[in-house]
């Protein structure tokens, strides 16, 4: 069943690609329930323009703000990712879009820049990051040379480039794993759309719902596409928003956001437990499909269809739901349901032009479950060791297939202050050790330069069937200057996730879309100095300088007189002089007063 669902998904992706390539703008929303009580919502928006119109800056559906940036930076292909959260592959199955539209935690950017030399490519890369930073309200301008690498084996151009252009294309990749993704990144994302979130499926996108998801990813892909019939090439922009929403948390009202415990009479307990009583309960798994609707999940219905989309044919099927055949679905009046094959789990709907569209699914017990595609590879990465001087990295790579080996490329972009020892690189099979093979096929290593560039490590590996490979290496922690620490230095430094690209023959034969997956980011703890000491030194130095300056100033300005030159003052003489002065003033006062009376 999982193989059938995987094949169905690949056919759907290829069908959407072939249909959308002929339309100037199209959008689609795919909803898929996930166990135990989650919902995957995949928003996809695609528009294109001819290359001749793009070069003449004749923009129609293609966003002008982004197009002018690409022209100024001479960028031929662009891929930008904003991601937050963690995809639970064991519960939710394979990633949407095969992980091709997913990025690591934070912000990830890679692009092919047309330049004659590496220096010119770096200059245009800096121009691109600075411009995108202002457009998307992100810290992309912090992607400097220490956070930029040039992958060799991991990425390949997804667009069509001429043979005359390929030799001058430079691939550059940068990450910001610490970048917080929030509403200020969603707003410019929506402004790139033709309907700008006012109509169509984009009207459901709200920052409160999107960033309350368990996992979410926003992607922008710009690439040239040349049709097979030899007609004029087009420039295509593909915008995607994927999120996994918790149904219970999303249905919670905004005016009552505090989670409250379920009443005791509503709990479903397992009475077979020996400790089961009126005060102890082991909750059972939910055996029915939870009720939900678009209004409850997203807080509002879809505000009609976008007027720029096609009104007829497959392009008009804007909302699709992936549920079993027996699942009861109720939609708003005016919506039309379309099913290409009654045996599959996909049903699509054409939105009404002016009326709002809502979808309601009631509580129901199903005999068949929605099949989940099994991931081709599981990956975990963590730190090992202890202390502030050295450490280690361990990656667990598991192949769940019982018959087929998995070949992939493992890419790590490490900061310059994390210096790996390549002679400690080991790859060994920890599960099913009887199938020992040559696991590491190829290695590309580019060492770091202090404060100039980071470490780039690309490894081509093969994991046998039903096996787990443990990839380990040791590294040394560098000592930073106290000015290079962030304000929250004790929190640690974020290390970008590892990128894995599967290159198995079975995957490439099924679909031209590559399969990617990324591990979680790591938090590296470096030796942190006592930042109160500089202030103590400053205060002590200032005090010493003040005392020294005061003494020197007194020596330079004060007038020194000998003791014998100073007139000796007698107390009686002083009193007499004061009294004489006072008597003189009194005499003058009474004399003047008498003259006035006369």
Protein backbone atom coordinates (compact mmCIF):
# COMPACT_ATOMS: atom_id res chain seq x y z
CA UNK A 1 0.00 0.00 0.00
CA UNK A 2 2.83 2.42 0.80
CA UNK A 3 4.46 1.68 -2.58
CA UNK A 4 1.13 2.42 -4.27
CA UNK A 5 0.79 5.70 -2.43
CA UNK A 6 4.37 6.68 -3.28
CA UNK A 7 3.78 5.96 -6.97
CA UNK A 8 0.52 7.92 -6.82
CA UNK A 9 2.28 10.92 -5.30
CA UNK A 10 4.99 10.87 -7.98
CA UNK A 11 2.39 10.67 -10.74
CA UNK A 12 0.48 13.56 -9.15
CA UNK A 13 3.63 15.69 -8.99
CA UNK A 14 4.49 14.98 -12.63
CA UNK A 15 0.89 15.66 -13.67
CA UNK A 16 0.84 18.99 -11.84
CA UNK A 17 4.18 19.96 -13.36
CA UNK A 18 3.01 19.20 -16.91
CA UNK A 19 -0.24 21.11 -16.42
CA UNK A 20 1.25 24.13 -14.71
CA UNK A 21 4.02 24.51 -17.27
CA UNK A 22 1.38 25.58 -19.81
CA UNK A 23 -0.41 28.06 -17.54
CA UNK A 24 0.89 31.48 -16.53
CA UNK A 25 -0.46 31.18 -12.98
CA UNK A 26 -1.87 28.33 -10.99
CA UNK A 27 -2.33 27.47 -7.34
CA UNK A 28 -3.23 24.32 -5.44
CA UNK A 29 -3.82 23.28 -1.84
CA UNK A 30 -3.30 19.66 -0.81
CA UNK A 31 -4.69 18.54 2.57
CA UNK A 32 -3.63 15.21 4.08
CA UNK A 33 -4.44 13.98 7.62
CA UNK A 34 -1.46 12.59 9.53
CA UNK A 35 -1.42 10.35 12.59
CA UNK A 36 -2.23 10.68 15.36
CA UNK A 37 -4.18 13.99 15.10
CA UNK A 38 -2.34 16.26 12.68
CA UNK A 39 -3.04 17.76 9.29
CA UNK A 40 -0.53 18.45 6.50
CA UNK A 41 -1.44 21.49 4.41
CA UNK A 42 0.67 22.09 1.28
CA UNK A 43 0.12 25.40 -0.53
CA UNK A 44 1.69 25.67 -3.96
CA UNK A 45 1.72 28.73 -6.23
CA UNK A 46 3.35 28.73 -9.64
CA UNK A 47 3.63 31.48 -12.23
CA UNK A 48 5.90 32.06 -15.20
CA UNK A 49 6.90 34.54 -17.84
CA UNK A 50 8.80 34.27 -21.10
CA UNK A 51 12.53 34.96 -21.02
CA UNK A 52 12.17 37.70 -23.60
CA UNK A 53 9.55 39.48 -21.50
CA UNK A 54 11.71 39.02 -18.42
CA UNK A 55 14.76 40.55 -20.09
CA UNK A 56 12.64 43.50 -21.22
CA UNK A 57 11.30 43.85 -17.65
CA UNK A 58 7.76 43.22 -18.86
CA UNK A 59 6.34 41.60 -15.73
CA UNK A 60 2.79 40.30 -15.57
CA UNK A 61 2.45 37.50 -13.01
CA UNK A 62 6.14 37.23 -12.20
CA UNK A 63 6.93 39.55 -9.23
CA UNK A 64 8.81 42.64 -10.38
CA UNK A 65 10.62 43.16 -7.05
CA UNK A 66 12.24 39.72 -7.19
CA UNK A 67 12.85 39.83 -10.94
CA UNK A 68 14.85 43.04 -10.79
CA UNK A 69 17.01 41.60 -8.00
CA UNK A 70 17.79 38.52 -10.10
CA UNK A 71 18.71 40.68 -13.07
CA UNK A 72 20.91 43.00 -11.02
CA UNK A 73 22.77 40.08 -9.37
CA UNK A 74 22.89 38.13 -12.66
CA UNK A 75 21.33 35.09 -10.97
CA UNK A 76 20.11 32.34 -13.30
CA UNK A 77 18.54 30.01 -10.72
CA UNK A 78 17.47 30.68 -7.13
CA UNK A 79 16.31 28.51 -4.21
CA UNK A 80 15.32 30.08 -0.89
CA UNK A 81 14.00 28.27 2.20
CA UNK A 82 12.47 29.38 5.52
CA UNK A 83 11.92 26.43 7.87
CA UNK A 84 10.96 25.92 11.48
CA UNK A 85 10.26 22.79 13.51
CA UNK A 86 11.03 19.11 13.08
CA UNK A 87 9.49 16.59 10.70
CA UNK A 88 8.57 13.36 12.52
CA UNK A 89 9.39 10.81 9.83
CA UNK A 90 8.51 7.81 12.01
CA UNK A 91 4.91 9.05 12.52
CA UNK A 92 4.26 11.11 9.40
CA UNK A 93 6.13 9.09 6.79
CA UNK A 94 8.02 10.59 3.85
CA UNK A 95 8.44 14.33 3.51
CA UNK A 96 6.17 16.31 1.17
CA UNK A 97 7.58 16.90 -2.32
CA UNK A 98 10.30 14.36 -1.51
CA UNK A 99 12.04 16.98 0.64
CA UNK A 100 12.96 18.98 -2.49
CA UNK A 101 11.08 22.07 -1.22
CA UNK A 102 12.29 21.77 2.35
CA UNK A 103 15.16 23.59 4.01
CA UNK A 104 17.11 23.28 7.20
CA UNK A 105 16.13 25.03 10.41
CA UNK A 106 16.31 28.79 9.91
CA UNK A 107 17.11 30.19 6.47
CA UNK A 108 18.85 28.38 3.62
CA UNK A 109 19.79 29.88 0.26
CA UNK A 110 21.57 28.51 -2.78
CA UNK A 111 21.78 29.96 -6.27
CA UNK A 112 23.60 29.70 -9.58
CA UNK A 113 25.26 33.01 -10.41
CA UNK A 114 26.64 33.85 -13.84
CA UNK A 115 30.19 35.24 -13.50
CA UNK A 116 33.55 34.99 -15.20
CA UNK A 117 35.66 34.48 -12.03
CA UNK A 118 35.16 33.35 -8.46
CA UNK A 119 35.78 36.88 -7.19
CA UNK A 120 33.06 38.28 -9.42
CA UNK A 121 30.71 35.48 -8.32
CA UNK A 122 31.35 36.31 -4.65
CA UNK A 123 30.61 39.97 -5.32
CA UNK A 124 27.31 39.16 -7.05
CA UNK A 125 26.45 36.67 -4.30
CA UNK A 126 26.88 39.43 -1.73
CA UNK A 127 24.67 41.71 -3.80
CA UNK A 128 22.02 38.99 -3.98
CA UNK A 129 21.99 38.28 -0.25
CA UNK A 130 21.81 41.96 0.66
CA UNK A 131 18.91 42.57 -1.72
CA UNK A 132 16.97 39.49 -0.57
CA UNK A 133 17.56 40.51 3.03
CA UNK A 134 15.68 43.74 2.46
CA UNK A 135 12.95 42.10 0.38
CA UNK A 136 12.08 39.32 2.86
CA UNK A 137 12.90 41.17 6.11
CA UNK A 138 15.48 38.50 7.01
CA UNK A 139 19.12 38.58 8.09
CA UNK A 140 20.38 37.18 4.79
CA UNK A 141 23.01 39.93 4.70
CA UNK A 142 24.80 38.00 7.48
CA UNK A 143 25.60 35.19 5.02
CA UNK A 144 29.22 36.18 4.60
CA UNK A 145 32.24 34.19 3.42
CA UNK A 146 32.36 32.20 6.70
CA UNK A 147 28.81 30.90 6.07
CA UNK A 148 29.12 30.31 2.32
CA UNK A 149 30.25 27.10 0.63
CA UNK A 150 30.47 25.85 -2.95
CA UNK A 151 28.91 22.35 -3.07
CA UNK A 152 30.36 19.99 -5.65
CA UNK A 153 28.20 16.84 -5.54
CA UNK A 154 25.05 17.64 -3.58
CA UNK A 155 23.12 20.11 -5.76
CA UNK A 156 22.41 20.13 -9.47
CA UNK A 157 20.56 22.75 -11.53
CA UNK A 158 16.86 21.96 -11.75
CA UNK A 159 16.30 24.36 -14.68
CA UNK A 160 17.36 24.22 -18.28
CA UNK A 161 20.56 26.14 -18.99
CA UNK A 162 22.25 26.46 -22.36
CA UNK A 163 25.65 24.93 -23.00
CA UNK A 164 27.11 28.41 -23.43
CA UNK A 165 25.92 29.46 -19.97
CA UNK A 166 26.83 26.37 -17.93
CA UNK A 167 30.63 26.94 -17.81
CA UNK A 168 30.14 30.37 -16.20
CA UNK A 169 27.58 29.28 -13.60
CA UNK A 170 28.84 29.33 -10.00
CA UNK A 171 26.91 27.51 -7.29
CA UNK A 172 26.97 29.18 -3.87
CA UNK A 173 25.18 27.97 -0.75
CA UNK A 174 24.63 29.71 2.58
CA UNK A 175 22.72 29.00 5.78
CA UNK A 176 21.57 30.87 8.88
CA UNK A 177 20.45 28.16 11.33
CA UNK A 178 19.84 30.71 14.09
CA UNK A 179 17.47 32.90 12.07
CA UNK A 180 13.99 33.02 13.67
CA UNK A 181 11.25 32.65 11.03
CA UNK A 182 8.20 34.77 11.86
CA UNK A 183 5.35 36.85 10.44
CA UNK A 184 7.62 39.51 8.96
CA UNK A 185 8.91 36.85 6.53
CA UNK A 186 5.40 35.70 5.55
CA UNK A 187 4.14 39.18 4.60
CA UNK A 188 6.65 39.77 1.74
CA UNK A 189 6.10 36.16 0.68
CA UNK A 190 2.39 36.88 0.14
CA UNK A 191 3.13 40.14 -1.67
CA UNK A 192 4.90 38.16 -4.40
CA UNK A 193 1.62 36.38 -5.25
CA UNK A 194 -0.72 37.87 -7.87
CA UNK A 195 -3.73 37.77 -5.52
CA UNK A 196 -1.56 38.79 -2.51
CA UNK A 197 -3.56 36.77 0.03
CA UNK A 198 -6.86 38.53 -0.75
CA UNK A 199 -8.48 35.67 -2.68
CA UNK A 200 -7.84 32.02 -3.45
CA UNK A 201 -6.07 29.57 -1.19
CA UNK A 202 -3.58 32.25 -0.07
CA UNK A 203 -6.38 33.87 1.94
CA UNK A 204 -5.98 31.01 4.46
CA UNK A 205 -2.36 31.90 5.22
CA UNK A 206 -2.23 33.63 8.57
CA UNK A 207 0.84 34.16 10.73
CA UNK A 208 -0.93 33.04 13.91
CA UNK A 209 -1.75 29.65 12.38
CA UNK A 210 1.37 29.14 10.29
CA UNK A 211 3.86 29.76 13.07
CA UNK A 212 1.83 27.77 15.58
CA UNK A 213 2.40 24.65 13.46
CA UNK A 214 4.48 21.71 14.61
CA UNK A 215 6.55 22.00 11.43
CA UNK A 216 6.46 24.55 8.64
CA UNK A 217 8.51 25.42 5.60
CA UNK A 218 8.31 28.25 3.04
CA UNK A 219 10.19 27.90 -0.24
CA UNK A 220 10.81 29.99 -3.35
CA UNK A 221 12.30 28.41 -6.48
CA UNK A 222 13.12 30.36 -9.63
CA UNK A 223 14.42 28.44 -12.63
CA UNK A 224 14.35 28.58 -16.45
CA UNK A 225 12.24 25.92 -18.17
CA UNK A 226 12.43 25.07 -21.86
CA UNK A 227 9.50 23.08 -23.33
CA UNK A 228 10.22 19.89 -25.22
CA UNK A 229 8.42 21.15 -28.33
CA UNK A 230 11.17 23.71 -28.92
CA UNK A 231 9.07 26.78 -28.14
CA UNK A 232 10.38 29.79 -26.22
CA UNK A 233 11.83 29.14 -22.79
CA UNK A 234 10.09 30.55 -19.74
CA UNK A 235 11.21 31.68 -16.30
CA UNK A 236 9.21 29.89 -13.61
CA UNK A 237 8.72 30.85 -9.97
CA UNK A 238 7.39 28.20 -7.61
CA UNK A 239 6.29 29.27 -4.13
CA UNK A 240 5.37 26.62 -1.56
CA UNK A 241 4.15 26.70 2.03
CA UNK A 242 4.00 23.37 3.89
CA UNK A 243 2.81 23.08 7.48
CA UNK A 244 1.78 20.35 9.90
CA UNK A 245 -0.99 21.58 12.20
CA UNK A 246 -2.19 19.95 15.39
CA UNK A 247 -5.96 19.67 14.97
CA UNK A 248 -6.83 20.05 18.65
CA UNK A 249 -4.53 23.05 19.16
CA UNK A 250 -5.66 24.74 15.94
CA UNK A 251 -9.32 24.42 16.89
CA UNK A 252 -8.65 26.16 20.19
CA UNK A 253 -10.26 29.58 20.29
CA UNK A 254 -8.04 32.64 20.37
CA UNK A 255 -10.00 34.14 23.25
CA UNK A 256 -9.27 31.00 25.30
CA UNK A 257 -5.71 29.97 24.34
CA UNK A 258 -4.87 28.28 27.65
CA UNK A 259 -4.93 24.46 27.26
CA UNK A 260 -7.20 22.79 29.77
CA UNK A 261 -7.29 19.11 30.80
CA UNK A 262 -9.95 16.83 29.40
CA UNK A 263 -12.78 16.18 31.88
CA UNK A 264 -12.55 12.84 33.64
CA UNK A 265 -15.85 11.62 32.20
CA UNK A 266 -14.53 12.19 28.63
CA UNK A 267 -11.33 10.15 29.07
CA UNK A 268 -11.10 6.78 27.33
CA UNK A 269 -9.00 4.60 29.65
CA UNK A 270 -7.45 1.19 29.33
CA UNK A 271 -9.07 -0.78 32.13
CA UNK A 272 -6.82 -3.81 31.55
CA UNK A 273 -3.92 -2.05 33.31
CA UNK A 274 -3.32 -3.34 36.85
CA UNK A 275 -3.28 0.20 38.24
CA UNK A 276 -6.54 1.23 36.53
CA UNK A 277 -8.87 2.93 38.98
CA UNK A 278 -11.01 6.02 39.35
CA UNK A 279 -7.86 8.06 40.06
CA UNK A 280 -5.41 6.47 37.56
CA UNK A 281 -6.03 6.29 33.83
CA UNK A 282 -3.91 5.08 30.92
CA UNK A 283 -5.44 6.82 27.86
CA UNK A 284 -6.15 4.77 24.77
CA UNK A 285 -5.27 5.90 21.26
CA UNK A 286 -8.02 7.62 19.33
CA UNK A 287 -9.62 5.08 16.99
CA UNK A 288 -11.77 7.56 15.05
CA UNK A 289 -11.06 10.43 12.71
CA UNK A 290 -11.30 13.75 14.47
CA UNK A 291 -13.75 16.33 13.15
CA UNK A 292 -12.39 19.51 11.61
CA UNK A 293 -13.13 22.17 9.04
CA UNK A 294 -11.16 24.85 7.22
CA UNK A 295 -12.75 27.56 9.35
CA UNK A 296 -11.76 25.79 12.58
CA UNK A 297 -8.22 25.00 11.46
CA UNK A 298 -7.30 28.27 9.72
CA UNK A 299 -9.76 30.61 11.45
CA UNK A 300 -11.54 31.57 8.20
CA UNK A 301 -12.80 30.03 4.94
CA UNK A 302 -11.26 30.50 1.49
CA UNK A 303 -12.31 33.86 0.04
CA UNK A 304 -13.43 32.48 -3.31
CA UNK A 305 -11.13 31.55 -6.16
CA UNK A 306 -8.32 33.75 -7.42
CA UNK A 307 -9.62 35.39 -10.63
CA UNK A 308 -6.26 34.85 -12.36
CA UNK A 309 -6.55 31.06 -12.31
CA UNK A 310 -8.23 29.08 -15.04
CA UNK A 311 -11.95 28.45 -14.66
CA UNK A 312 -12.06 25.20 -16.63
CA UNK A 313 -10.08 21.99 -16.85
CA UNK A 314 -7.58 20.49 -14.44
CA UNK A 315 -6.12 23.90 -13.61
CA UNK A 316 -9.36 24.88 -11.87
CA UNK A 317 -9.04 22.04 -9.31
CA UNK A 318 -7.61 24.24 -6.60
CA UNK A 319 -8.23 22.29 -3.37
CA UNK A 320 -7.41 18.58 -3.07
CA UNK A 321 -8.00 16.26 -0.12
CA UNK A 322 -6.19 12.99 0.48
CA UNK A 323 -8.57 10.75 2.47
CA UNK A 324 -10.08 7.25 2.04
CA UNK A 325 -13.13 6.72 -0.14
CA UNK A 326 -15.44 6.14 2.83
CA UNK A 327 -14.61 9.47 4.48
CA UNK A 328 -17.58 11.83 4.42
CA UNK A 329 -16.69 15.33 3.24
CA UNK A 330 -19.08 18.29 3.13
CA UNK A 331 -18.23 21.41 1.11
CA UNK A 332 -19.87 24.78 0.54
CA UNK A 333 -22.60 25.32 -2.03
CA UNK A 334 -21.22 26.07 -5.47
CA UNK A 335 -18.08 23.91 -5.18
CA UNK A 336 -17.67 21.05 -7.64
CA UNK A 337 -15.98 17.76 -6.71
CA UNK A 338 -13.75 16.04 -9.26
CA UNK A 339 -12.32 12.50 -8.98
CA UNK A 340 -9.96 11.17 -11.62
CA UNK A 341 -9.97 7.64 -10.23
CA UNK A 342 -12.43 6.34 -7.66
CA UNK A 343 -9.88 3.78 -6.40
CA UNK A 344 -7.35 6.38 -5.23
CA UNK A 345 -7.44 8.53 -2.11
CA UNK A 346 -7.45 11.91 -3.87
CA UNK A 347 -10.47 14.09 -4.45
CA UNK A 348 -10.25 17.68 -5.76
CA UNK A 349 -12.66 20.62 -5.75
CA UNK A 350 -13.27 23.61 -7.97
CA UNK A 351 -13.77 26.74 -5.92
CA UNK A 352 -16.72 29.07 -6.46
CA UNK A 353 -15.81 32.39 -8.04
CA UNK A 354 -17.39 34.79 -5.57
CA UNK A 355 -18.64 32.76 -2.60
CA UNK A 356 -16.54 31.56 0.30
CA UNK A 357 -15.43 27.94 0.32
CA UNK A 358 -15.40 25.77 3.43
CA UNK A 359 -14.79 22.07 3.95
CA UNK A 360 -16.24 20.12 6.89
CA UNK A 361 -15.24 16.63 8.01
CA UNK A 362 -17.22 15.14 10.87
CA UNK A 363 -16.12 12.58 13.44
CA UNK A 364 -16.09 9.16 11.83
CA UNK A 365 -14.69 5.68 12.38
CA UNK A 366 -12.93 4.32 9.28
CA UNK A 367 -12.12 0.77 8.30
CA UNK A 368 -9.27 1.84 5.97
CA UNK A 369 -6.49 4.24 6.81
CA UNK A 370 -4.74 6.74 4.60
CA UNK A 371 -1.47 5.03 3.50
CA UNK A 372 1.82 6.76 4.28
CA UNK A 373 4.88 6.50 2.08
CA UNK A 374 7.84 5.04 3.93
CA UNK A 375 10.98 7.21 3.93
CA UNK A 376 13.91 5.83 1.97
CA UNK A 377 16.35 6.82 4.72
CA UNK A 378 16.27 7.86 8.38
CA UNK A 379 18.94 10.26 9.61
CA UNK A 380 19.90 11.47 13.07
CA UNK A 381 22.86 13.61 14.12
CA UNK A 382 24.18 14.54 17.56
CA UNK A 383 27.29 15.63 19.45
CA UNK A 384 29.48 13.24 21.42
CA UNK A 385 32.25 13.73 23.94
CA UNK A 386 32.57 16.17 26.82
CA UNK A 387 34.66 19.14 27.79
CA UNK A 388 35.29 22.56 26.28
CA UNK A 389 38.32 21.67 24.17
CA UNK A 390 37.28 18.79 21.89
CA UNK A 391 34.17 16.92 20.82
CA UNK A 392 32.71 14.61 18.23
CA UNK A 393 29.83 14.31 15.76
CA UNK A 394 27.79 11.14 15.28
CA UNK A 395 25.29 10.58 12.45
CA UNK A 396 23.01 7.52 12.41
CA UNK A 397 21.85 6.65 8.88
CA UNK A 398 19.26 3.85 8.68
CA UNK A 399 18.03 2.14 5.53
CA UNK A 400 14.58 0.60 6.24
CA UNK A 401 14.35 -1.24 2.92
CA UNK A 402 14.89 -5.00 3.31
CA UNK A 403 16.06 -5.50 -0.30
CA UNK A 404 17.54 -2.31 -1.77
CA UNK A 405 20.70 -0.45 -0.80
CA UNK A 406 20.57 3.34 -0.60
CA UNK A 407 23.23 5.58 -2.12
CA UNK A 408 23.33 9.22 -1.13
CA UNK A 409 25.52 12.28 -0.66
CA UNK A 410 26.05 13.65 2.84
CA UNK A 411 26.90 17.38 3.07
CA UNK A 412 27.99 19.28 6.16
CA UNK A 413 28.77 23.00 6.37
CA UNK A 414 30.65 23.64 9.60
CA UNK A 415 31.68 26.99 11.12
CA UNK A 416 35.37 27.88 11.05
CA UNK A 417 35.72 27.55 14.84
CA UNK A 418 34.70 23.86 14.60
CA UNK A 419 37.78 22.13 13.17
CA UNK A 420 37.26 18.43 12.30
CA UNK A 421 40.04 15.83 12.33
CA UNK A 422 39.64 13.98 9.04
CA UNK A 423 41.86 11.10 10.15
CA UNK A 424 39.16 10.25 12.74
CA UNK A 425 36.39 9.92 10.12
CA UNK A 426 34.80 6.49 10.50
CA UNK A 427 31.78 4.79 8.91
CA UNK A 428 30.72 1.43 10.27
CA UNK A 429 27.60 -0.69 10.16
CA UNK A 430 26.10 -1.04 13.63
CA UNK A 431 23.00 -2.98 12.62
CA UNK A 432 23.33 -6.08 10.46
CA UNK A 433 27.15 -6.07 10.67
CA UNK A 434 27.39 -9.20 8.53
CA UNK A 435 27.01 -7.07 5.38
CA UNK A 436 30.25 -5.15 5.69
CA UNK A 437 30.96 -3.27 2.50
CA UNK A 438 32.88 -0.28 1.27
CA UNK A 439 30.52 2.29 2.72
CA UNK A 440 32.36 5.51 1.83
CA UNK A 441 32.64 5.86 -1.94
CA UNK A 442 33.96 9.40 -2.35
CA UNK A 443 34.96 12.37 -0.18
CA UNK A 444 35.28 16.07 -0.99
CA UNK A 445 36.83 18.12 1.80
CA UNK A 446 37.56 21.84 1.86
CA UNK A 447 39.26 22.91 5.11
CA UNK A 448 38.36 26.06 6.96
CA UNK A 449 40.38 29.26 7.21
CA UNK A 450 40.13 31.16 10.47
CA UNK A 451 37.60 33.97 10.17
CA UNK A 452 37.54 33.65 6.37
CA UNK A 453 35.57 30.51 5.46
CA UNK A 454 34.01 27.45 7.05
CA UNK A 455 34.56 23.74 6.55
CA UNK A 456 32.86 21.95 3.66
CA UNK A 457 32.54 18.17 3.81
CA UNK A 458 30.75 16.07 1.18
CA UNK A 459 30.70 12.27 1.44
CA UNK A 460 29.18 9.78 -0.97
CA UNK A 461 27.99 6.72 0.95
CA UNK A 462 26.11 3.48 0.39
CA UNK A 463 23.98 1.93 3.14
CA UNK A 464 23.10 -1.77 2.60
CA UNK A 465 19.56 -3.02 2.98
CA UNK A 466 18.18 -3.25 6.53
CA UNK A 467 21.32 -1.67 7.95
CA UNK A 468 22.32 1.31 10.06
CA UNK A 469 25.57 3.14 9.36
CA UNK A 470 27.21 5.24 12.08
CA UNK A 471 29.31 8.09 10.72
CA UNK A 472 31.61 9.68 13.30
CA UNK A 473 34.49 12.14 13.46
CA UNK A 474 36.22 14.25 16.11
CA UNK A 475 36.74 17.98 16.08
CA UNK A 476 38.50 20.70 18.03
CA UNK A 477 36.92 23.88 19.35
CA UNK A 478 38.68 27.15 18.58
CA UNK A 479 39.02 30.04 21.01
CA UNK A 480 37.14 33.15 19.92
CA UNK A 481 37.84 36.76 20.67
CA UNK A 482 35.53 38.20 23.26
CA UNK A 483 34.06 40.57 20.64
CA UNK A 484 33.02 37.59 18.46
CA UNK A 485 30.60 36.15 21.02
CA UNK A 486 26.87 36.89 20.66
CA UNK A 487 24.93 38.55 23.50
CA UNK A 488 23.66 35.15 24.72
CA UNK A 489 27.03 33.41 24.50
CA UNK A 490 26.17 30.83 27.15
CA UNK A 491 23.35 29.49 24.96
CA UNK A 492 25.83 28.19 22.39
CA UNK A 493 26.38 28.43 18.64
CA UNK A 494 24.01 26.90 16.09
CA UNK A 495 25.51 24.44 13.59
CA UNK A 496 23.67 24.10 10.28
CA UNK A 497 21.80 20.82 9.61
CA UNK A 498 23.38 18.18 7.42
CA UNK A 499 21.92 17.87 3.90
CA UNK A 500 21.36 14.43 2.38
CA UNK A 501 20.56 13.88 -1.29
CA UNK A 502 19.54 10.39 -2.37
CA UNK A 503 20.92 9.25 -5.71
CA UNK A 504 19.60 5.67 -5.84
CA UNK A 505 18.69 4.33 -9.24
CA UNK A 506 15.17 3.47 -8.12
CA UNK A 507 14.46 7.06 -7.17
CA UNK A 508 15.86 8.54 -10.34
CA UNK A 509 13.87 6.17 -12.52
CA UNK A 510 10.58 6.99 -10.80
CA UNK A 511 10.81 10.76 -10.95
CA UNK A 512 13.21 13.45 -12.07
CA UNK A 513 12.65 15.29 -8.79
CA UNK A 514 15.54 14.55 -6.38
CA UNK A 515 14.87 13.33 -2.85
CA UNK A 516 16.36 15.39 -0.02
CA UNK A 517 16.27 15.21 3.73
CA UNK A 518 17.92 17.30 6.43
CA UNK A 519 18.88 16.53 9.98
CA UNK A 520 18.19 18.81 12.90
CA UNK A 521 20.57 21.61 13.73
CA UNK A 522 23.11 21.24 16.56
CA UNK A 523 23.96 23.54 19.44
CA UNK A 524 27.71 23.84 20.00
CA UNK A 525 29.00 25.01 23.37
CA UNK A 526 32.32 26.87 23.20
CA UNK A 527 34.59 28.00 26.03
CA UNK A 528 32.91 31.16 27.26
CA UNK A 529 34.91 33.78 29.15
CA UNK A 530 33.66 35.69 32.17
CA UNK A 531 32.32 38.80 30.47
CA UNK A 532 32.29 40.71 33.78
CA UNK A 533 36.10 40.74 33.82
CA UNK A 534 36.48 43.29 31.00
CA UNK A 535 34.24 45.69 32.90
CA UNK A 536 36.24 45.13 36.07
CA UNK A 537 39.45 45.84 34.16
CA UNK A 538 37.93 48.95 32.63
CA UNK A 539 36.80 50.26 36.03
CA UNK A 540 40.17 49.51 37.67
CA UNK A 541 42.09 51.07 34.78
CA UNK A 542 39.88 54.14 34.82
CA UNK A 543 40.43 54.55 38.56
CA UNK A 544 44.20 54.28 38.23
CA UNK A 545 44.22 56.72 35.33
CA UNK A 546 42.05 59.19 37.28
CA UNK A 547 44.38 59.10 40.30
CA UNK A 548 47.49 59.45 38.14
CA UNK A 549 45.97 62.26 36.11
CA UNK A 550 44.89 64.07 39.26
CA UNK A 551 48.39 63.99 40.73
CA UNK A 552 50.01 65.09 37.48
CA UNK A 553 47.46 67.87 37.02
CA UNK A 554 48.10 69.16 40.56
CA UNK A 555 51.85 69.16 39.94
CA UNK A 556 51.41 71.13 36.75
CA UNK A 557 48.81 73.68 37.87
CA UNK A 558 49.24 74.18 41.67
CA UNK A 559 51.52 76.98 42.89
CA UNK A 560 53.98 75.92 45.59
CA UNK A 561 55.05 78.51 48.29
CA UNK A 562 57.63 78.01 51.03
CA UNK A 563 56.52 77.81 54.66
CA UNK A 564 58.67 80.80 55.71
CA UNK A 565 57.02 82.96 53.04
CA UNK A 566 53.56 82.46 54.39
CA UNK A 567 52.38 85.26 56.80
CA UNK A 568 51.68 83.94 60.25
CA UNK A 569 48.14 84.58 61.36
CA UNK A 570 47.32 85.18 65.07
CA UNK A 571 43.81 84.37 66.30
CA UNK A 572 43.59 87.47 68.50
CA UNK A 573 44.79 89.65 65.66
CA UNK A 574 42.20 88.07 63.37
CA UNK A 575 39.39 88.69 65.88
CA UNK A 576 40.50 92.28 66.32
CA UNK A 577 40.52 92.94 62.61
CA UNK A 578 37.07 91.44 62.18
CA UNK A 579 35.68 93.43 65.11
CA UNK A 580 37.27 96.64 63.83
CA UNK A 581 35.75 96.09 60.42
CA UNK A 582 32.31 95.50 61.94
CA UNK A 583 32.59 98.64 64.15
CA UNK A 584 33.53 100.71 61.13
CA UNK A 585 30.49 99.49 59.22
CA UNK A 586 28.19 100.30 62.20
CA UNK A 587 29.56 103.81 62.52
CA UNK A 588 28.98 104.49 58.85
CA UNK A 589 25.45 103.15 59.08
CA UNK A 590 24.40 105.39 62.03
CA UNK A 591 26.11 108.45 60.56
CA UNK A 592 24.30 108.10 57.27
CA UNK A 593 21.00 107.52 59.07
CA UNK A 594 21.41 110.70 61.16
CA UNK A 595 22.03 112.79 58.06
CA UNK A 596 18.85 111.57 56.51
CA UNK A 597 16.80 112.44 59.63
CA UNK A 598 18.07 116.00 59.59
